[in-house]
Amino acid sequence: MTDNFLQKFEEKVMVLLAELETVRKEVIQLRLDNANLKSEKLNYTKKLQALVSLFDTLNAPEQHHAHEAVNAEEEFATA
């Protein structure tokens, strides 16, 4: 009786350990995905800011902000 109980208990523990390892790997993958998404968000934020800056320079008098427009275009191209 006790041998059967211990065997079933050991089997359940092994199943739980396997599930725990699977969840641990999923957490690692999700952390990597999250880091990648944060990096993408930062890149898109920089591009959006450069684009908004470019639009702002287009709305301002051309003589006053011609230099800023060139800088914004360069920023957008490199972001």
N, C-alpha and C. Protein backbone atom coordinates (compact mmCIF):
# COMPACT_ATOMS: atom_id res chain seq x y z
N MET A 1 0.83 -1.20 0.00
CA MET A 1 0.00 0.00 0.00
C MET A 1 0.87 1.26 0.00
N THR A 2 1.85 1.29 0.92
CA THR A 2 2.68 2.49 0.97
C THR A 2 3.58 2.61 -0.25
N ASP A 3 4.01 1.47 -0.80
CA ASP A 3 4.83 1.52 -2.01
C ASP A 3 4.04 2.12 -3.17
N ASN A 4 2.78 1.73 -3.30
CA ASN A 4 1.92 2.24 -4.35
C ASN A 4 1.68 3.74 -4.16
N PHE A 5 1.43 4.12 -2.93
CA PHE A 5 1.22 5.54 -2.63
C PHE A 5 2.47 6.35 -2.96
N LEU A 6 3.64 5.87 -2.53
CA LEU A 6 4.88 6.58 -2.80
C LEU A 6 5.17 6.66 -4.30
N GLN A 7 4.86 5.60 -5.02
CA GLN A 7 5.09 5.60 -6.47
C GLN A 7 4.19 6.65 -7.14
N LYS A 8 2.92 6.70 -6.75
CA LYS A 8 2.00 7.70 -7.33
C LYS A 8 2.42 9.11 -6.94
N PHE A 9 2.85 9.26 -5.71
CA PHE A 9 3.31 10.56 -5.25
C PHE A 9 4.54 11.01 -6.06
N GLU A 10 5.47 10.09 -6.25
CA GLU A 10 6.66 10.41 -7.02
C GLU A 10 6.30 10.77 -8.47
N GLU A 11 5.36 10.08 -9.07
CA GLU A 11 4.92 10.38 -10.42
C GLU A 11 4.31 11.77 -10.51
N LYS A 12 3.49 12.11 -9.53
CA LYS A 12 2.88 13.44 -9.51
C LYS A 12 3.93 14.53 -9.34
N VAL A 13 4.91 14.28 -8.48
CA VAL A 13 5.98 15.26 -8.28
C VAL A 13 6.76 15.44 -9.58
N MET A 14 7.04 14.36 -10.27
CA MET A 14 7.78 14.44 -11.54
C MET A 14 6.98 15.22 -12.58
N VAL A 15 5.67 15.00 -12.64
CA VAL A 15 4.83 15.74 -13.58
C VAL A 15 4.85 17.23 -13.23
N LEU A 16 4.74 17.54 -11.95
CA LEU A 16 4.77 18.94 -11.52
C LEU A 16 6.12 19.59 -11.82
N LEU A 17 7.20 18.86 -11.63
CA LEU A 17 8.52 19.41 -11.95
C LEU A 17 8.67 19.68 -13.45
N ALA A 18 8.13 18.79 -14.27
CA ALA A 18 8.18 18.99 -15.72
C ALA A 18 7.36 20.22 -16.10
N GLU A 19 6.19 20.36 -15.51
CA GLU A 19 5.34 21.53 -15.77
C GLU A 19 6.02 22.80 -15.30
N LEU A 20 6.67 22.74 -14.17
CA LEU A 20 7.40 23.89 -13.63
C LEU A 20 8.52 24.30 -14.58
N GLU A 21 9.23 23.35 -15.12
CA GLU A 21 10.30 23.65 -16.07
C GLU A 21 9.74 24.29 -17.34
N THR A 22 8.60 23.80 -17.82
CA THR A 22 7.95 24.38 -18.99
C THR A 22 7.55 25.83 -18.72
N VAL A 23 6.97 26.08 -17.58
CA VAL A 23 6.56 27.44 -17.22
C VAL A 23 7.77 28.34 -17.06
N ARG A 24 8.85 27.82 -16.50
CA ARG A 24 10.08 28.59 -16.34
C ARG A 24 10.63 29.02 -17.70
N LYS A 25 10.62 28.11 -18.66
CA LYS A 25 11.08 28.44 -20.02
C LYS A 25 10.16 29.47 -20.67
N GLU A 26 8.87 29.35 -20.44
CA GLU A 26 7.92 30.32 -20.99
C GLU A 26 8.17 31.71 -20.41
N VAL A 27 8.46 31.78 -19.12
CA VAL A 27 8.74 33.06 -18.47
C VAL A 27 9.99 33.69 -19.07
N ILE A 28 11.01 32.89 -19.28
CA ILE A 28 12.24 33.40 -19.89
C ILE A 28 11.95 33.95 -21.28
N GLN A 29 11.18 33.20 -22.08
CA GLN A 29 10.85 33.65 -23.43
C GLN A 29 10.01 34.93 -23.40
N LEU A 30 9.06 34.99 -22.48
CA LEU A 30 8.23 36.19 -22.36
C LEU A 30 9.06 37.40 -21.94
N ARG A 31 10.03 37.21 -21.09
CA ARG A 31 10.91 38.32 -20.69
C ARG A 31 11.73 38.82 -21.89
N LEU A 32 12.21 37.88 -22.70
CA LEU A 32 12.94 38.28 -23.91
C LEU A 32 12.02 39.03 -24.87
N ASP A 33 10.82 38.50 -25.07
CA ASP A 33 9.85 39.16 -25.94
C ASP A 33 9.53 40.57 -25.43
N ASN A 34 9.37 40.69 -24.13
CA ASN A 34 9.06 41.99 -23.53
C ASN A 34 10.20 42.98 -23.75
N ALA A 35 11.42 42.52 -23.58
CA ALA A 35 12.58 43.40 -23.81
C ALA A 35 12.63 43.85 -25.27
N ASN A 36 12.35 42.93 -26.19
CA ASN A 36 12.34 43.28 -27.61
C ASN A 36 11.23 44.29 -27.92
N LEU A 37 10.07 44.08 -27.34
CA LEU A 37 8.96 45.00 -27.56
C LEU A 37 9.27 46.39 -27.00
N LYS A 38 9.90 46.44 -25.84
CA LYS A 38 10.28 47.73 -25.27
C LYS A 38 11.26 48.45 -26.18
N SER A 39 12.19 47.70 -26.75
CA SER A 39 13.16 48.30 -27.66
C SER A 39 12.47 48.82 -28.92
N GLU A 40 11.56 48.03 -29.47
CA GLU A 40 10.80 48.47 -30.64
C GLU A 40 9.98 49.72 -30.33
N LYS A 41 9.36 49.74 -29.16
CA LYS A 41 8.57 50.90 -28.76
C LYS A 41 9.44 52.14 -28.70
N LEU A 42 10.63 52.01 -28.12
CA LEU A 42 11.54 53.14 -28.03
C LEU A 42 11.94 53.63 -29.42
N ASN A 43 12.24 52.71 -30.32
CA ASN A 43 12.60 53.10 -31.69
C ASN A 43 11.45 53.81 -32.38
N TYR A 44 10.23 53.28 -32.26
CA TYR A 44 9.08 53.91 -32.89
C TYR A 44 8.77 55.27 -32.26
N THR A 45 8.98 55.38 -30.96
CA THR A 45 8.76 56.66 -30.28
C THR A 45 9.72 57.71 -30.82
N LYS A 46 10.99 57.33 -30.99
CA LYS A 46 11.97 58.27 -31.54
C LYS A 46 11.59 58.68 -32.96
N LYS A 47 11.17 57.72 -33.77
CA LYS A 47 10.77 58.04 -35.15
C LYS A 47 9.56 58.96 -35.16
N LEU A 48 8.60 58.69 -34.29
CA LEU A 48 7.40 59.52 -34.22
C LEU A 48 7.75 60.94 -33.78
N GLN A 49 8.62 61.05 -32.79
CA GLN A 49 9.03 62.37 -32.33
C GLN A 49 9.74 63.15 -33.44
N ALA A 50 10.58 62.46 -34.19
CA ALA A 50 11.27 63.11 -35.31
C ALA A 50 10.27 63.54 -36.37
N LEU A 51 9.28 62.72 -36.63
CA LEU A 51 8.26 63.05 -37.63
C LEU A 51 7.43 64.24 -37.17
N VAL A 52 7.03 64.26 -35.91
CA VAL A 52 6.27 65.39 -35.38
C VAL A 52 7.11 66.66 -35.45
N SER A 53 8.38 66.54 -35.11
CA SER A 53 9.26 67.70 -35.20
C SER A 53 9.35 68.20 -36.64
N LEU A 54 9.40 67.28 -37.57
CA LEU A 54 9.44 67.66 -38.98
C LEU A 54 8.16 68.38 -39.38
N PHE A 55 7.02 67.87 -38.94
CA PHE A 55 5.74 68.54 -39.23
C PHE A 55 5.70 69.93 -38.59
N ASP A 56 6.23 70.04 -37.38
CA ASP A 56 6.25 71.34 -36.71
C ASP A 56 7.08 72.35 -37.52
N THR A 57 8.18 71.90 -38.06
CA THR A 57 9.01 72.82 -38.84
C THR A 57 8.32 73.21 -40.14
N LEU A 58 7.50 72.33 -40.68
CA LEU A 58 6.77 72.66 -41.90
C LEU A 58 5.69 73.70 -41.63
N ASN A 59 5.16 73.70 -40.44
CA ASN A 59 4.11 74.66 -40.07
C ASN A 59 4.69 76.02 -39.69
N ALA A 60 5.97 76.09 -39.37
CA ALA A 60 6.61 77.34 -38.96
C ALA A 60 7.16 78.04 -40.21
N PRO A 61 7.47 79.33 -40.08
CA PRO A 61 8.07 80.05 -41.21
C PRO A 61 9.34 79.35 -41.68
N GLU A 62 9.46 79.20 -42.99
CA GLU A 62 10.54 78.41 -43.58
C GLU A 62 11.93 78.99 -43.29
N GLN A 63 12.10 80.31 -43.32
CA GLN A 63 13.42 80.90 -43.12
C GLN A 63 13.94 80.65 -41.71
N HIS A 64 13.04 80.69 -40.77
CA HIS A 64 13.45 80.60 -39.36
C HIS A 64 13.84 79.20 -38.95
N HIS A 65 13.20 78.18 -39.56
CA HIS A 65 13.39 76.80 -39.09
C HIS A 65 13.95 75.88 -40.16
N ALA A 66 14.57 76.40 -41.18
CA ALA A 66 15.11 75.55 -42.24
C ALA A 66 16.15 74.59 -41.68
N HIS A 67 16.99 75.07 -40.79
CA HIS A 67 18.03 74.23 -40.20
C HIS A 67 17.41 73.10 -39.36
N GLU A 68 16.37 73.39 -38.59
CA GLU A 68 15.70 72.40 -37.78
C GLU A 68 15.05 71.32 -38.63
N ALA A 69 14.51 71.70 -39.77
CA ALA A 69 13.88 70.73 -40.66
C ALA A 69 14.89 69.71 -41.16
N VAL A 70 16.07 70.18 -41.50
CA VAL A 70 17.12 69.27 -41.96
C VAL A 70 17.52 68.32 -40.83
N ASN A 71 17.66 68.84 -39.62
CA ASN A 71 18.01 68.00 -38.47
C ASN A 71 16.92 66.97 -38.20
N ALA A 72 15.67 67.35 -38.29
CA ALA A 72 14.57 66.43 -38.03
C ALA A 72 14.54 65.33 -39.09
N GLU A 73 14.79 65.70 -40.33
CA GLU A 73 14.81 64.69 -41.40
C GLU A 73 15.95 63.70 -41.16
N GLU A 74 17.09 64.18 -40.75
CA GLU A 74 18.21 63.29 -40.48
C GLU A 74 17.92 62.38 -39.30
N GLU A 75 17.31 62.91 -38.27
CA GLU A 75 16.94 62.11 -37.11
C GLU A 75 15.96 61.02 -37.48
N PHE A 76 14.96 61.37 -38.29
CA PHE A 76 13.95 60.41 -38.70
C PHE A 76 14.58 59.30 -39.54
N ALA A 77 15.50 59.64 -40.39
CA ALA A 77 16.13 58.67 -41.27
C ALA A 77 17.01 57.71 -40.49
N THR A 78 17.63 58.18 -39.41
CA THR A 78 18.53 57.33 -38.64
C THR A 78 17.85 56.60 -37.52
N ALA A 79 16.65 57.00 -37.14
CA ALA A 79 15.97 56.36 -36.01
C ALA A 79 15.46 55.00 -36.39
